[in-house]
Amino acid sequence: MAYYELYRRSTLGMTLTDALDEMVTTGELTPTIAMKVLAQFDKFMNGALKSLKTKLSFKGDLETYRFCDNVWTFMLKNVTFDVSGPGGDKRAASVDRLKIVACDGKAVLGV
């Protein structure tokens, strides 16, 4: 089964990709092994978020939205977040701009 590669563009994913590129360049890893590591990263990241007990709600002004190839993209501005964690821990945050990319988690992806 193939997994979404969205998290490769996160800070963690970009750092992993940079490290793997360096290791392939220096001959420490083969490109095949590096791709297998990235595939495991995709699989883990897609599954890891299911087990979180933290709740997040947010409000903002919808600037634009798009739906293409079963992927929603939302651009928001003036966004405020309310985060509730285990044990009643609550926090708030705000950002000027936010981009959300959402995919169907039940979709079967082709390789």
PDB file of N, CA and C in Angstrom:
ATOM      1  N   MET A   1       0.831  -1.176   0.000  1.00  0.00           N
ATOM      2  CA  MET A   1       0.000   0.000   0.000  1.00  0.00           C
ATOM      3  C   MET A   1       0.883   1.249   0.000  1.00  0.00           C
ATOM      4  N   ALA A   2       0.545   2.220  -0.786  1.00  0.00           N
ATOM      5  CA  ALA A   2       1.261   3.494  -0.819  1.00  0.00           C
ATOM      6  C   ALA A   2       0.630   4.444   0.186  1.00  0.00           C
ATOM      7  N   TYR A   3       1.415   5.391   0.673  1.00  0.00           N
ATOM      8  CA  TYR A   3       0.947   6.360   1.650  1.00  0.00           C
ATOM      9  C   TYR A   3       1.154   7.761   1.101  1.00  0.00           C
ATOM     10  N   TYR A   4       0.378   8.698   1.620  1.00  0.00           N
ATOM     11  CA  TYR A   4       0.555  10.092   1.239  1.00  0.00           C
ATOM     12  C   TYR A   4       1.952  10.562   1.632  1.00  0.00           C
ATOM     13  N   GLU A   5       2.531  11.395   0.811  1.00  0.00           N
ATOM     14  CA  GLU A   5       3.873  11.915   1.056  1.00  0.00           C
ATOM     15  C   GLU A   5       3.838  13.351   1.582  1.00  0.00           C
ATOM     16  N   LEU A   6       2.700  13.784   2.121  1.00  0.00           N
ATOM     17  CA  LEU A   6       2.541  15.165   2.572  1.00  0.00           C
ATOM     18  C   LEU A   6       3.541  15.565   3.650  1.00  0.00           C
ATOM     19  N   TYR A   7       3.869  14.650   4.536  1.00  0.00           N
ATOM     20  CA  TYR A   7       4.708  14.995   5.673  1.00  0.00           C
ATOM     21  C   TYR A   7       6.174  15.142   5.292  1.00  0.00           C
ATOM     22  N   ARG A   8       6.541  14.793   4.072  1.00  0.00           N
ATOM     23  CA  ARG A   8       7.918  15.000   3.616  1.00  0.00           C
ATOM     24  C   ARG A   8       8.233  16.486   3.505  1.00  0.00           C
ATOM     25  N   ARG A   9       7.211  17.317   3.378  1.00  0.00           N
ATOM     26  CA  ARG A   9       7.428  18.767   3.279  1.00  0.00           C
ATOM     27  C   ARG A   9       7.392  19.448   4.643  1.00  0.00           C
ATOM     28  N   SER A  10       7.203  18.667   5.717  1.00  0.00           N
ATOM     29  CA  SER A  10       7.272  19.217   7.070  1.00  0.00           C
ATOM     30  C   SER A  10       8.746  19.447   7.428  1.00  0.00           C
ATOM     31  N   THR A  11       8.981  20.143   8.517  1.00  0.00           N
ATOM     32  CA  THR A  11      10.361  20.382   8.950  1.00  0.00           C
ATOM     33  C   THR A  11      11.084  19.061   9.190  1.00  0.00           C
ATOM     34  N   LEU A  12      10.412  18.125   9.837  1.00  0.00           N
ATOM     35  CA  LEU A  12      11.011  16.823  10.103  1.00  0.00           C
ATOM     36  C   LEU A  12      11.295  16.065   8.802  1.00  0.00           C
ATOM     37  N   GLY A  13      10.346  16.086   7.887  1.00  0.00           N
ATOM     38  CA  GLY A  13      10.523  15.398   6.612  1.00  0.00           C
ATOM     39  C   GLY A  13      11.638  15.992   5.767  1.00  0.00           C
ATOM     40  N   MET A  14      11.726  17.329   5.731  1.00  0.00           N
ATOM     41  CA  MET A  14      12.786  17.997   4.965  1.00  0.00           C
ATOM     42  C   MET A  14      14.160  17.701   5.570  1.00  0.00           C
ATOM     43  N   THR A  15      14.234  17.669   6.893  1.00  0.00           N
ATOM     44  CA  THR A  15      15.496  17.359   7.559  1.00  0.00           C
ATOM     45  C   THR A  15      15.922  15.930   7.265  1.00  0.00           C
ATOM     46  N   LEU A  16      14.975  14.995   7.317  1.00  0.00           N
ATOM     47  CA  LEU A  16      15.274  13.608   6.986  1.00  0.00           C
ATOM     48  C   LEU A  16      15.742  13.483   5.539  1.00  0.00           C
ATOM     49  N   THR A  17      15.048  14.143   4.620  1.00  0.00           N
ATOM     50  CA  THR A  17      15.419  14.097   3.206  1.00  0.00           C
ATOM     51  C   THR A  17      16.817  14.658   2.985  1.00  0.00           C
ATOM     52  N   ASP A  18      17.138  15.768   3.631  1.00  0.00           N
ATOM     53  CA  ASP A  18      18.477  16.360   3.505  1.00  0.00           C
ATOM     54  C   ASP A  18      19.549  15.408   4.023  1.00  0.00           C
ATOM     55  N   ALA A  19      19.287  14.776   5.160  1.00  0.00           N
ATOM     56  CA  ALA A  19      20.253  13.834   5.737  1.00  0.00           C
ATOM     57  C   ALA A  19      20.442  12.626   4.821  1.00  0.00           C
ATOM     58  N   LEU A  20      19.347  12.105   4.282  1.00  0.00           N
ATOM     59  CA  LEU A  20      19.454  10.957   3.375  1.00  0.00           C
ATOM     60  C   LEU A  20      20.194  11.332   2.095  1.00  0.00           C
ATOM     61  N   ASP A  21      19.922  12.522   1.563  1.00  0.00           N
ATOM     62  CA  ASP A  21      20.629  12.986   0.363  1.00  0.00           C
ATOM     63  C   ASP A  21      22.130  13.058   0.605  1.00  0.00           C
ATOM     64  N   GLU A  22      22.495  13.591   1.765  1.00  0.00           N
ATOM     65  CA  GLU A  22      23.917  13.686   2.100  1.00  0.00           C
ATOM     66  C   GLU A  22      24.553  12.303   2.212  1.00  0.00           C
ATOM     67  N   MET A  23      23.828  11.379   2.824  1.00  0.00           N
ATOM     68  CA  MET A  23      24.359  10.019   2.984  1.00  0.00           C
ATOM     69  C   MET A  23      24.482   9.293   1.643  1.00  0.00           C
ATOM     70  N   VAL A  24      23.565   9.547   0.735  1.00  0.00           N
ATOM     71  CA  VAL A  24      23.661   8.952  -0.603  1.00  0.00           C
ATOM     72  C   VAL A  24      24.842   9.572  -1.353  1.00  0.00           C
ATOM     73  N   THR A  25      25.013  10.883  -1.235  1.00  0.00           N
ATOM     74  CA  THR A  25      26.111  11.586  -1.914  1.00  0.00           C
ATOM     75  C   THR A  25      27.473  11.098  -1.435  1.00  0.00           C
ATOM     76  N   THR A  26      27.602  10.842  -0.141  1.00  0.00           N
ATOM     77  CA  THR A  26      28.886  10.378   0.406  1.00  0.00           C
ATOM     78  C   THR A  26      29.072   8.869   0.277  1.00  0.00           C
ATOM     79  N   GLY A  27      28.070   8.179  -0.234  1.00  0.00           N
ATOM     80  CA  GLY A  27      28.184   6.735  -0.439  1.00  0.00           C
ATOM     81  C   GLY A  27      27.850   5.895   0.774  1.00  0.00           C
ATOM     82  N   GLU A  28      27.338   6.502   1.828  1.00  0.00           N
ATOM     83  CA  GLU A  28      26.980   5.747   3.030  1.00  0.00           C
ATOM     84  C   GLU A  28      25.706   4.926   2.834  1.00  0.00           C
ATOM     85  N   LEU A  29      24.823   5.386   1.941  1.00  0.00           N
ATOM     86  CA  LEU A  29      23.569   4.694   1.635  1.00  0.00           C
ATOM     87  C   LEU A  29      23.392   4.622   0.123  1.00  0.00           C
ATOM     88  N   THR A  30      22.683   3.601  -0.310  1.00  0.00           N
ATOM     89  CA  THR A  30      22.297   3.537  -1.716  1.00  0.00           C
ATOM     90  C   THR A  30      20.989   4.307  -1.889  1.00  0.00           C
ATOM     91  N   PRO A  31      20.728   4.799  -3.083  1.00  0.00           N
ATOM     92  CA  PRO A  31      19.446   5.483  -3.305  1.00  0.00           C
ATOM     93  C   PRO A  31      18.240   4.607  -2.994  1.00  0.00           C
ATOM     94  N   THR A  32      18.349   3.311  -3.233  1.00  0.00           N
ATOM     95  CA  THR A  32      17.252   2.387  -2.944  1.00  0.00           C
ATOM     96  C   THR A  32      16.933   2.349  -1.455  1.00  0.00           C
ATOM     97  N   ILE A  33      17.963   2.279  -0.637  1.00  0.00           N
ATOM     98  CA  ILE A  33      17.763   2.259   0.821  1.00  0.00           C
ATOM     99  C   ILE A  33      17.164   3.589   1.279  1.00  0.00           C
ATOM    100  N   ALA A  34      17.642   4.701   0.727  1.00  0.00           N
ATOM    101  CA  ALA A  34      17.106   6.018   1.097  1.00  0.00           C
ATOM    102  C   ALA A  34      15.620   6.106   0.771  1.00  0.00           C
ATOM    103  N   MET A  35      15.221   5.592  -0.382  1.00  0.00           N
ATOM    104  CA  MET A  35      13.799   5.616  -0.745  1.00  0.00           C
ATOM    105  C   MET A  35      12.977   4.728   0.184  1.00  0.00           C
ATOM    106  N   LYS A  36      13.539   3.611   0.619  1.00  0.00           N
ATOM    107  CA  LYS A  36      12.832   2.741   1.561  1.00  0.00           C
ATOM    108  C   LYS A  36      12.652   3.434   2.914  1.00  0.00           C
ATOM    109  N   VAL A  37      13.662   4.196   3.337  1.00  0.00           N
ATOM    110  CA  VAL A  37      13.556   4.950   4.590  1.00  0.00           C
ATOM    111  C   VAL A  37      12.436   5.988   4.468  1.00  0.00           C
ATOM    112  N   LEU A  38      12.379   6.707   3.341  1.00  0.00           N
ATOM    113  CA  LEU A  38      11.318   7.692   3.138  1.00  0.00           C
ATOM    114  C   LEU A  38       9.942   7.036   3.091  1.00  0.00           C
ATOM    115  N   ALA A  39       9.850   5.849   2.499  1.00  0.00           N
ATOM    116  CA  ALA A  39       8.566   5.132   2.464  1.00  0.00           C
ATOM    117  C   ALA A  39       8.131   4.751   3.882  1.00  0.00           C
ATOM    118  N   GLN A  40       9.076   4.349   4.734  1.00  0.00           N
ATOM    119  CA  GLN A  40       8.750   4.020   6.126  1.00  0.00           C
ATOM    120  C   GLN A  40       8.326   5.277   6.876  1.00  0.00           C
ATOM    121  N   PHE A  41       8.985   6.406   6.592  1.00  0.00           N
ATOM    122  CA  PHE A  41       8.609   7.679   7.202  1.00  0.00           C
ATOM    123  C   PHE A  41       7.167   8.029   6.840  1.00  0.00           C
ATOM    124  N   ASP A  42       6.812   7.887   5.554  1.00  0.00           N
ATOM    125  CA  ASP A  42       5.441   8.162   5.110  1.00  0.00           C
ATOM    126  C   ASP A  42       4.441   7.290   5.857  1.00  0.00           C
ATOM    127  N   LYS A  43       4.755   6.001   5.955  1.00  0.00           N
ATOM    128  CA  LYS A  43       3.861   5.052   6.618  1.00  0.00           C
ATOM    129  C   LYS A  43       3.690   5.415   8.096  1.00  0.00           C
ATOM    130  N   PHE A  44       4.795   5.713   8.765  1.00  0.00           N
ATOM    131  CA  PHE A  44       4.739   6.044  10.182  1.00  0.00           C
ATOM    132  C   PHE A  44       3.960   7.326  10.423  1.00  0.00           C
ATOM    133  N   MET A  45       4.262   8.372   9.671  1.00  0.00           N
ATOM    134  CA  MET A  45       3.610   9.664   9.886  1.00  0.00           C
ATOM    135  C   MET A  45       2.110   9.591   9.616  1.00  0.00           C
ATOM    136  N   ASN A  46       1.714   8.826   8.607  1.00  0.00           N
ATOM    137  CA  ASN A  46       0.291   8.687   8.317  1.00  0.00           C
ATOM    138  C   ASN A  46      -0.446   7.941   9.422  1.00  0.00           C
ATOM    139  N   GLY A  47       0.246   7.054  10.126  1.00  0.00           N
ATOM    140  CA  GLY A  47      -0.383   6.294  11.206  1.00  0.00           C
ATOM    141  C   GLY A  47      -0.225   6.917  12.579  1.00  0.00           C
ATOM    142  N   ALA A  48       0.843   7.674  12.796  1.00  0.00           N
ATOM    143  CA  ALA A  48       1.157   8.206  14.130  1.00  0.00           C
ATOM    144  C   ALA A  48       0.125   9.206  14.621  1.00  0.00           C
ATOM    145  N   LEU A  49      -0.439   9.984  13.738  1.00  0.00           N
ATOM    146  CA  LEU A  49      -1.375  11.016  14.163  1.00  0.00           C
ATOM    147  C   LEU A  49      -2.718  10.457  14.616  1.00  0.00           C
ATOM    148  N   LYS A  50      -2.999   9.198  14.297  1.00  0.00           N
ATOM    149  CA  LYS A  50      -4.262   8.585  14.710  1.00  0.00           C
ATOM    150  C   LYS A  50      -4.345   8.372  16.218  1.00  0.00           C
ATOM    151  N   SER A  51      -3.205   8.181  16.868  1.00  0.00           N
ATOM    152  CA  SER A  51      -3.203   7.819  18.288  1.00  0.00           C
ATOM    153  C   SER A  51      -3.137   9.023  19.226  1.00  0.00           C
ATOM    154  N   LEU A  52      -3.088  10.229  18.707  1.00  0.00           N
ATOM    155  CA  LEU A  52      -3.010  11.408  19.561  1.00  0.00           C
ATOM    156  C   LEU A  52      -4.322  11.642  20.315  1.00  0.00           C
ATOM    157  N   LYS A  53      -4.195  12.105  21.535  1.00  0.00           N
ATOM    158  CA  LYS A  53      -5.364  12.405  22.365  1.00  0.00           C
ATOM    159  C   LYS A  53      -5.588  13.911  22.486  1.00  0.00           C
ATOM    160  N   THR A  54      -4.828  14.687  21.776  1.00  0.00           N
ATOM    161  CA  THR A  54      -4.948  16.140  21.810  1.00  0.00           C
ATOM    162  C   THR A  54      -6.029  16.598  20.845  1.00  0.00           C
ATOM    163  N   LYS A  55      -6.819  17.585  21.271  1.00  0.00           N
ATOM    164  CA  LYS A  55      -7.862  18.151  20.412  1.00  0.00           C
ATOM    165  C   LYS A  55      -7.471  19.565  20.027  1.00  0.00           C
ATOM    166  N   LEU A  56      -7.703  19.896  18.769  1.00  0.00           N
ATOM    167  CA  LEU A  56      -7.362  21.202  18.242  1.00  0.00           C
ATOM    168  C   LEU A  56      -8.580  21.806  17.568  1.00  0.00           C
ATOM    169  N   SER A  57      -8.866  23.043  17.889  1.00  0.00           N
ATOM    170  CA  SER A  57      -9.906  23.767  17.166  1.00  0.00           C
ATOM    171  C   SER A  57      -9.295  25.093  16.726  1.00  0.00           C
ATOM    172  N   PHE A  58      -9.805  25.612  15.624  1.00  0.00           N
ATOM    173  CA  PHE A  58      -9.262  26.869  15.128  1.00  0.00           C
ATOM    174  C   PHE A  58     -10.348  27.666  14.432  1.00  0.00           C
ATOM    175  N   LYS A  59     -10.130  28.977  14.380  1.00  0.00           N
ATOM    176  CA  LYS A  59     -11.019  29.903  13.688  1.00  0.00           C
ATOM    177  C   LYS A  59     -10.151  30.841  12.869  1.00  0.00           C
ATOM    178  N   GLY A  60     -10.654  31.203  11.695  1.00  0.00           N
ATOM    179  CA  GLY A  60      -9.921  32.141  10.863  1.00  0.00           C
ATOM    180  C   GLY A  60     -10.779  32.593   9.698  1.00  0.00           C
ATOM    181  N   ASP A  61     -10.234  33.470   8.907  1.00  0.00           N
ATOM    182  CA  ASP A  61     -10.922  33.978   7.721  1.00  0.00           C
ATOM    183  C   ASP A  61     -10.468  33.169   6.508  1.00  0.00           C
ATOM    184  N   LEU A  62     -11.415  32.518   5.840  1.00  0.00           N
ATOM    185  CA  LEU A  62     -11.096  31.723   4.665  1.00  0.00           C
ATOM    186  C   LEU A  62     -10.795  32.654   3.498  1.00  0.00           C
ATOM    187  N   GLU A  63      -9.578  32.551   2.990  1.00  0.00           N
ATOM    188  CA  GLU A  63      -9.153  33.398   1.884  1.00  0.00           C
ATOM    189  C   GLU A  63      -9.432  32.716   0.543  1.00  0.00           C
ATOM    190  N   THR A  64      -8.978  31.475   0.390  1.00  0.00           N
ATOM    191  CA  THR A  64      -9.251  30.696  -0.829  1.00  0.00           C
ATOM    192  C   THR A  64      -9.346  29.223  -0.463  1.00  0.00           C
ATOM    193  N   TYR A  65      -9.979  28.460  -1.335  1.00  0.00           N
ATOM    194  CA  TYR A  65     -10.006  27.010  -1.180  1.00  0.00           C
ATOM    195  C   TYR A  65     -10.008  26.378  -2.562  1.00  0.00           C
ATOM    196  N   ARG A  66      -9.558  25.121  -2.601  1.00  0.00           N
ATOM    197  CA  ARG A  66      -9.460  24.418  -3.879  1.00  0.00           C
ATOM    198  C   ARG A  66      -9.648  22.920  -3.613  1.00  0.00           C
ATOM    199  N   PHE A  67     -10.293  22.231  -4.544  1.00  0.00           N
ATOM    200  CA  PHE A  67     -10.452  20.781  -4.482  1.00  0.00           C
ATOM    201  C   PHE A  67     -10.006  20.220  -5.827  1.00  0.00           C
ATOM    202  N   CYS A  68      -8.945  19.439  -5.808  1.00  0.00           N
ATOM    203  CA  CYS A  68      -8.404  18.872  -7.041  1.00  0.00           C
ATOM    204  C   CYS A  68      -7.815  17.501  -6.736  1.00  0.00           C
ATOM    205  N   ASP A  69      -8.171  16.505  -7.532  1.00  0.00           N
ATOM    206  CA  ASP A  69      -7.652  15.138  -7.369  1.00  0.00           C
ATOM    207  C   ASP A  69      -7.832  14.611  -5.949  1.00  0.00           C
ATOM    208  N   ASN A  70      -9.020  14.805  -5.392  1.00  0.00           N
ATOM    209  CA  ASN A  70      -9.361  14.352  -4.037  1.00  0.00           C
ATOM    210  C   ASN A  70      -8.511  14.993  -2.944  1.00  0.00           C
ATOM    211  N   VAL A  71      -7.968  16.170  -3.201  1.00  0.00           N
ATOM    212  CA  VAL A  71      -7.177  16.891  -2.210  1.00  0.00           C
ATOM    213  C   VAL A  71      -7.770  18.286  -2.028  1.00  0.00           C
ATOM    214  N   TRP A  72      -8.122  18.616  -0.787  1.00  0.00           N
ATOM    215  CA  TRP A  72      -8.605  19.954  -0.451  1.00  0.00           C
ATOM    216  C   TRP A  72      -7.426  20.794  -0.008  1.00  0.00           C
ATOM    217  N   THR A  73      -7.373  22.037  -0.459  1.00  0.00           N
ATOM    218  CA  THR A  73      -6.377  23.003   0.002  1.00  0.00           C
ATOM    219  C   THR A  73      -7.119  24.253   0.458  1.00  0.00           C
ATOM    220  N   PHE A  74      -6.865  24.669   1.683  1.00  0.00           N
ATOM    221  CA  PHE A  74      -7.496  25.856   2.261  1.00  0.00           C
ATOM    222  C   PHE A  74      -6.411  26.856   2.638  1.00  0.00           C
ATOM    223  N   MET A  75      -6.628  28.116   2.281  1.00  0.00           N
ATOM    224  CA  MET A  75      -5.732  29.194   2.696  1.00  0.00           C
ATOM    225  C   MET A  75      -6.531  30.091   3.640  1.00  0.00           C
ATOM    226  N   LEU A  76      -6.053  30.243   4.876  1.00  0.00           N
ATOM    227  CA  LEU A  76      -6.742  31.048   5.877  1.00  0.00           C
ATOM    228  C   LEU A  76      -5.828  32.162   6.370  1.00  0.00           C
ATOM    229  N   LYS A  77      -6.448  33.233   6.894  1.00  0.00           N
ATOM    230  CA  LYS A  77      -5.669  34.302   7.512  1.00  0.00           C
ATOM    231  C   LYS A  77      -6.283  34.641   8.857  1.00  0.00           C
ATOM    232  N   ASN A  78      -5.485  35.254   9.716  1.00  0.00           N
ATOM    233  CA  ASN A  78      -5.905  35.634  11.072  1.00  0.00           C
ATOM    234  C   ASN A  78      -6.480  34.435  11.828  1.00  0.00           C
ATOM    235  N   VAL A  79      -5.687  33.409  11.976  1.00  0.00           N
ATOM    236  CA  VAL A  79      -6.137  32.137  12.560  1.00  0.00           C
ATOM    237  C   VAL A  79      -5.757  32.063  14.035  1.00  0.00           C
ATOM    238  N   THR A  80      -6.729  31.652  14.860  1.00  0.00           N
ATOM    239  CA  THR A  80      -6.467  31.400  16.276  1.00  0.00           C
ATOM    240  C   THR A  80      -6.730  29.925  16.563  1.00  0.00           C
ATOM    241  N   PHE A  81      -5.876  29.339  17.391  1.00  0.00           N
ATOM    242  CA  PHE A  81      -5.966  27.924  17.745  1.00  0.00           C
ATOM    243  C   PHE A  81      -6.263  27.779  19.225  1.00  0.00           C
ATOM    244  N   ASP A  82      -7.066  26.787  19.566  1.00  0.00           N
ATOM    245  CA  ASP A  82      -7.267  26.358  20.943  1.00  0.00           C
ATOM    246  C   ASP A  82      -6.908  24.876  20.993  1.00  0.00           C
ATOM    247  N   VAL A  83      -5.940  24.547  21.845  1.00  0.00           N
ATOM    248  CA  VAL A  83      -5.443  23.171  21.945  1.00  0.00           C
ATOM    249  C   VAL A  83      -5.761  22.639  23.333  1.00  0.00           C
ATOM    250  N   SER A  84      -6.402  21.462  23.396  1.00  0.00           N
ATOM    251  CA  SER A  84      -6.709  20.791  24.659  1.00  0.00           C
ATOM    252  C   SER A  84      -5.991  19.455  24.678  1.00  0.00           C
ATOM    253  N   GLY A  85      -5.116  19.278  25.651  1.00  0.00           N
ATOM    254  CA  GLY A  85      -4.355  18.041  25.753  1.00  0.00           C
ATOM    255  C   GLY A  85      -4.861  17.158  26.867  1.00  0.00           C
ATOM    256  N   PRO A  86      -4.228  16.002  27.030  1.00  0.00           N
ATOM    257  CA  PRO A  86      -4.599  15.088  28.114  1.00  0.00           C
ATOM    258  C   PRO A  86      -4.398  15.769  29.470  1.00  0.00           C
ATOM    259  N   GLY A  87      -5.254  15.477  30.389  1.00  0.00           N
ATOM    260  CA  GLY A  87      -5.143  16.045  31.734  1.00  0.00           C
ATOM    261  C   GLY A  87      -5.680  17.458  31.843  1.00  0.00           C
ATOM    262  N   GLY A  88      -6.408  17.914  30.834  1.00  0.00           N
ATOM    263  CA  GLY A  88      -7.003  19.238  30.903  1.00  0.00           C
ATOM    264  C   GLY A  88      -6.081  20.380  30.529  1.00  0.00           C
ATOM    265  N   ASP A  89      -4.891  20.087  30.045  1.00  0.00           N
ATOM    266  CA  ASP A  89      -3.956  21.129  29.621  1.00  0.00           C
ATOM    267  C   ASP A  89      -4.532  21.884  28.424  1.00  0.00           C
ATOM    268  N   LYS A  90      -4.621  23.220  28.508  1.00  0.00           N
ATOM    269  CA  LYS A  90      -5.171  24.029  27.419  1.00  0.00           C
ATOM    270  C   LYS A  90      -4.197  25.131  27.050  1.00  0.00           C
ATOM    271  N   ARG A  91      -4.093  25.385  25.744  1.00  0.00           N
ATOM    272  CA  ARG A  91      -3.223  26.444  25.248  1.00  0.00           C
ATOM    273  C   ARG A  91      -3.888  27.140  24.079  1.00  0.00           C
ATOM    274  N   ALA A  92      -3.444  28.349  23.803  1.00  0.00           N
ATOM    275  CA  ALA A  92      -3.962  29.111  22.669  1.00  0.00           C
ATOM    276  C   ALA A  92      -2.778  29.672  21.885  1.00  0.00           C
ATOM    277  N   ALA A  93      -2.994  29.836  20.583  1.00  0.00           N
ATOM    278  CA  ALA A  93      -1.960  30.408  19.714  1.00  0.00           C
ATOM    279  C   ALA A  93      -2.653  31.069  18.531  1.00  0.00           C
ATOM    280  N   SER A  94      -1.909  31.914  17.839  1.00  0.00           N
ATOM    281  CA  SER A  94      -2.463  32.541  16.642  1.00  0.00           C
ATOM    282  C   SER A  94      -1.368  32.721  15.596  1.00  0.00           C
ATOM    283  N   VAL A  95      -1.782  32.740  14.326  1.00  0.00           N
ATOM    284  CA  VAL A  95      -0.871  32.959  13.202  1.00  0.00           C
ATOM    285  C   VAL A  95      -1.566  33.878  12.201  1.00  0.00           C
ATOM    286  N   ASP A  96      -0.767  34.577  11.414  1.00  0.00           N
ATOM    287  CA  ASP A  96      -1.321  35.466  10.395  1.00  0.00           C
ATOM    288  C   ASP A  96      -1.910  34.694   9.226  1.00  0.00           C
ATOM    289  N   ARG A  97      -1.204  33.633   8.789  1.00  0.00           N
ATOM    290  CA  ARG A  97      -1.638  32.870   7.617  1.00  0.00           C
ATOM    291  C   ARG A  97      -1.460  31.380   7.882  1.00  0.00           C
ATOM    292  N   LEU A  98      -2.342  30.563   7.301  1.00  0.00           N
ATOM    293  CA  LEU A  98      -2.290  29.120   7.478  1.00  0.00           C
ATOM    294  C   LEU A  98      -2.726  28.436   6.196  1.00  0.00           C
ATOM    295  N   LYS A  99      -1.974  27.419   5.797  1.00  0.00           N
ATOM    296  CA  LYS A  99      -2.341  26.593   4.644  1.00  0.00           C
ATOM    297  C   LYS A  99      -2.644  25.197   5.162  1.00  0.00           C
ATOM    298  N   ILE A 100      -3.812  24.677   4.795  1.00  0.00           N
ATOM    299  CA  ILE A 100      -4.218  23.333   5.194  1.00  0.00           C
ATOM    300  C   ILE A 100      -4.378  22.502   3.926  1.00  0.00           C
ATOM    301  N   VAL A 101      -3.733  21.339   3.903  1.00  0.00           N
ATOM    302  CA  VAL A 101      -3.892  20.388   2.809  1.00  0.00           C
ATOM    303  C   VAL A 101      -4.505  19.136   3.421  1.00  0.00           C
ATOM    304  N   ALA A 102      -5.673  18.723   2.919  1.00  0.00           N
ATOM    305  CA  ALA A 102      -6.401  17.590   3.491  1.00  0.00           C
ATOM    306  C   ALA A 102      -6.699  16.559   2.407  1.00  0.00           C
ATOM    307  N   CYS A 103      -6.391  15.306   2.718  1.00  0.00           N
ATOM    308  CA  CYS A 103      -6.624  14.195   1.794  1.00  0.00           C
ATOM    309  C   CYS A 103      -7.544  13.175   2.454  1.00  0.00           C
ATOM    310  N   ASP A 104      -8.236  12.395   1.655  1.00  0.00           N
ATOM    311  CA  ASP A 104      -9.101  11.349   2.159  1.00  0.00           C
ATOM    312  C   ASP A 104      -8.245  10.246   2.771  1.00  0.00           C
ATOM    313  N   GLY A 105      -8.372  10.054   4.071  1.00  0.00           N
ATOM    314  CA  GLY A 105      -7.583   9.046   4.760  1.00  0.00           C
ATOM    315  C   GLY A 105      -7.979   7.626   4.426  1.00  0.00           C
ATOM    316  N   LYS A 106      -9.140   7.425   3.830  1.00  0.00           N
ATOM    317  CA  LYS A 106      -9.591   6.079   3.491  1.00  0.00           C
ATOM    318  C   LYS A 106      -9.343   5.734   2.025  1.00  0.00           C
ATOM    319  N   ALA A 107      -8.814   6.669   1.267  1.00  0.00           N
ATOM    320  CA  ALA A 107      -8.577   6.438  -0.165  1.00  0.00           C
ATOM    321  C   ALA A 107      -7.458   5.424  -0.343  1.00  0.00           C
ATOM    322  N   VAL A 108      -7.621   4.559  -1.304  1.00  0.00           N
ATOM    323  CA  VAL A 108      -6.576   3.596  -1.656  1.00  0.00           C
ATOM    324  C   VAL A 108      -5.730   4.233  -2.732  1.00  0.00           C
ATOM    325  N   LEU A 109      -4.443   4.327  -2.454  1.00  0.00           N
ATOM    326  CA  LEU A 109      -3.530   4.984  -3.386  1.00  0.00           C
ATOM    327  C   LEU A 109      -2.834   3.943  -4.252  1.00  0.00           C
ATOM    328  N   GLY A 110      -2.672   4.276  -5.494  1.00  0.00           N
ATOM    329  CA  GLY A 110      -1.901   3.426  -6.383  1.00  0.00           C
ATOM    330  C   GLY A 110      -0.432   3.738  -6.274  1.00  0.00           C
ATOM    331  N   VAL A 111       0.382   2.787  -6.617  1.00  0.00           N
ATOM    332  CA  VAL A 111       1.841   2.968  -6.553  1.00  0.00           C
ATOM    333  C   VAL A 111       2.354   3.457  -7.871  1.00  0.00           C
TER     334      VAL A 111
END
